[in-house]
Amino acid sequence: MNDATNTMEFNAPGRGDSENRKILSQVYASLSEKGYDPISQIVGYLLSEDPTYITNYNNARAVVSKLDRDEILGEMVRLYLGLV
């Protein structure tokens, strides 16, 4: 049983910044080309893991499923805090 007073430790496995950057760039471009706000759509996907936030155009929906959301969110927090 999990004691709610203890802090759980979370470690996301690393895929590599360059692969994640490549995937996000490709998805961003596909969303832009289709006229969507790519930042809003990617944020919606990262928060919900609902693939319908991502267009099928250029196979972007299949490509984005290769991302590890926890890894991306961890990288975003590190970047925001200036730890990268």
C-alpha atoms as a PDB file:
ATOM      1  CA  MET A   1       0.000   0.000   0.000  1.00  0.00           C
ATOM      2  CA  ASN A   2       1.232   3.462  -0.883  1.00  0.00           C
ATOM      3  CA  ASP A   3       1.603   5.961   1.959  1.00  0.00           C
ATOM      4  CA  ALA A   4       0.400   9.374   0.702  1.00  0.00           C
ATOM      5  CA  THR A   5       2.836  11.173   3.029  1.00  0.00           C
ATOM      6  CA  ASN A   6       5.905   9.809   1.226  1.00  0.00           C
ATOM      7  CA  THR A   7       7.238  11.256  -1.987  1.00  0.00           C
ATOM      8  CA  MET A   8       7.449   8.801  -4.838  1.00  0.00           C
ATOM      9  CA  GLU A   9      10.536   8.995  -7.026  1.00  0.00           C
ATOM     10  CA  PHE A  10      10.022   9.053 -10.776  1.00  0.00           C
ATOM     11  CA  ASN A  11      12.712   8.424 -13.375  1.00  0.00           C
ATOM     12  CA  ALA A  12      11.830   8.675 -17.039  1.00  0.00           C
ATOM     13  CA  PRO A  13      13.962   6.632 -19.421  1.00  0.00           C
ATOM     14  CA  GLY A  14      15.995   8.695 -21.875  1.00  0.00           C
ATOM     15  CA  ARG A  15      15.629   8.348 -25.646  1.00  0.00           C
ATOM     16  CA  GLY A  16      17.862  11.184 -26.668  1.00  0.00           C
ATOM     17  CA  ASP A  17      17.222  14.845 -27.197  1.00  0.00           C
ATOM     18  CA  SER A  18      17.979  14.781 -30.910  1.00  0.00           C
ATOM     19  CA  GLU A  19      15.407  12.066 -31.697  1.00  0.00           C
ATOM     20  CA  ASN A  20      12.697  13.818 -29.665  1.00  0.00           C
ATOM     21  CA  ARG A  21      13.549  17.154 -31.287  1.00  0.00           C
ATOM     22  CA  LYS A  22      13.322  15.584 -34.746  1.00  0.00           C
ATOM     23  CA  ILE A  23       9.912  14.049 -33.978  1.00  0.00           C
ATOM     24  CA  LEU A  24       8.502  17.239 -32.464  1.00  0.00           C
ATOM     25  CA  SER A  25       9.824  19.326 -35.361  1.00  0.00           C
ATOM     26  CA  GLN A  26       8.188  17.026 -37.895  1.00  0.00           C
ATOM     27  CA  VAL A  27       4.870  17.061 -36.030  1.00  0.00           C
ATOM     28  CA  TYR A  28       5.065  20.847 -35.599  1.00  0.00           C
ATOM     29  CA  ALA A  29       5.618  21.316 -39.341  1.00  0.00           C
ATOM     30  CA  SER A  30       2.715  19.032 -40.253  1.00  0.00           C
ATOM     31  CA  LEU A  31       0.349  20.838 -37.889  1.00  0.00           C
ATOM     32  CA  SER A  32       1.464  24.233 -39.245  1.00  0.00           C
ATOM     33  CA  GLU A  33       0.977  23.140 -42.842  1.00  0.00           C
ATOM     34  CA  LYS A  34      -2.585  22.078 -42.057  1.00  0.00           C
ATOM     35  CA  GLY A  35      -3.352  25.458 -40.413  1.00  0.00           C
ATOM     36  CA  TYR A  36      -3.449  24.348 -36.776  1.00  0.00           C
ATOM     37  CA  ASP A  37      -1.778  26.122 -33.863  1.00  0.00           C
ATOM     38  CA  PRO A  38       1.005  23.557 -33.396  1.00  0.00           C
ATOM     39  CA  ILE A  39       1.935  24.555 -29.850  1.00  0.00           C
ATOM     40  CA  SER A  40      -1.642  24.215 -28.602  1.00  0.00           C
ATOM     41  CA  GLN A  41      -2.119  20.905 -30.393  1.00  0.00           C
ATOM     42  CA  ILE A  42       1.143  19.431 -29.085  1.00  0.00           C
ATOM     43  CA  VAL A  43       0.396  20.610 -25.542  1.00  0.00           C
ATOM     44  CA  GLY A  44      -3.061  19.030 -25.785  1.00  0.00           C
ATOM     45  CA  TYR A  45      -1.472  15.776 -26.898  1.00  0.00           C
ATOM     46  CA  LEU A  46       1.188  15.834 -24.163  1.00  0.00           C
ATOM     47  CA  LEU A  47      -1.388  16.490 -21.446  1.00  0.00           C
ATOM     48  CA  SER A  48      -3.931  13.931 -22.585  1.00  0.00           C
ATOM     49  CA  GLU A  49      -2.039  11.472 -24.818  1.00  0.00           C
ATOM     50  CA  ASP A  50      -5.069  11.703 -27.091  1.00  0.00           C
ATOM     51  CA  PRO A  51      -3.702  11.246 -30.622  1.00  0.00           C
ATOM     52  CA  THR A  52      -6.610  13.141 -32.180  1.00  0.00           C
ATOM     53  CA  TYR A  53      -4.827  16.387 -31.227  1.00  0.00           C
ATOM     54  CA  ILE A  54      -2.317  15.519 -33.952  1.00  0.00           C
ATOM     55  CA  THR A  55      -3.124  15.486 -37.654  1.00  0.00           C
ATOM     56  CA  ASN A  56      -2.683  12.366 -39.769  1.00  0.00           C
ATOM     57  CA  TYR A  57      -1.096  14.585 -42.432  1.00  0.00           C
ATOM     58  CA  ASN A  58       2.465  13.444 -43.273  1.00  0.00           C
ATOM     59  CA  ASN A  59       1.967  10.507 -40.880  1.00  0.00           C
ATOM     60  CA  ALA A  60       2.393  12.924 -37.935  1.00  0.00           C
ATOM     61  CA  ARG A  61       0.003  11.016 -35.661  1.00  0.00           C
ATOM     62  CA  ALA A  62       1.978   7.793 -36.024  1.00  0.00           C
ATOM     63  CA  VAL A  63       5.276   9.634 -35.569  1.00  0.00           C
ATOM     64  CA  VAL A  64       4.191  11.447 -32.397  1.00  0.00           C
ATOM     65  CA  SER A  65       3.257   8.146 -30.781  1.00  0.00           C
ATOM     66  CA  LYS A  66       6.998   7.363 -30.675  1.00  0.00           C
ATOM     67  CA  LEU A  67       7.548  10.137 -28.133  1.00  0.00           C
ATOM     68  CA  ASP A  68       7.841   9.396 -24.451  1.00  0.00           C
ATOM     69  CA  ARG A  69       5.599  12.056 -22.897  1.00  0.00           C
ATOM     70  CA  ASP A  70       7.290  11.841 -19.503  1.00  0.00           C
ATOM     71  CA  GLU A  71      10.685  12.417 -21.072  1.00  0.00           C
ATOM     72  CA  ILE A  72       9.424  15.428 -23.032  1.00  0.00           C
ATOM     73  CA  LEU A  73       7.738  16.964 -19.993  1.00  0.00           C
ATOM     74  CA  GLY A  74      10.883  16.417 -17.915  1.00  0.00           C
ATOM     75  CA  GLU A  75      12.978  18.116 -20.583  1.00  0.00           C
ATOM     76  CA  MET A  76      10.530  21.030 -20.675  1.00  0.00           C
ATOM     77  CA  VAL A  77      10.783  21.528 -16.897  1.00  0.00           C
ATOM     78  CA  ARG A  78      14.604  21.375 -17.026  1.00  0.00           C
ATOM     79  CA  LEU A  79      14.623  23.893 -19.879  1.00  0.00           C
ATOM     80  CA  TYR A  80      12.160  26.206 -18.120  1.00  0.00           C
ATOM     81  CA  LEU A  81      14.285  26.146 -14.947  1.00  0.00           C
ATOM     82  CA  GLY A  82      17.482  26.752 -16.906  1.00  0.00           C
ATOM     83  CA  LEU A  83      18.984  23.412 -15.938  1.00  0.00           C
ATOM     84  CA  VAL A  84      19.851  22.435 -19.504  1.00  0.00           C
END
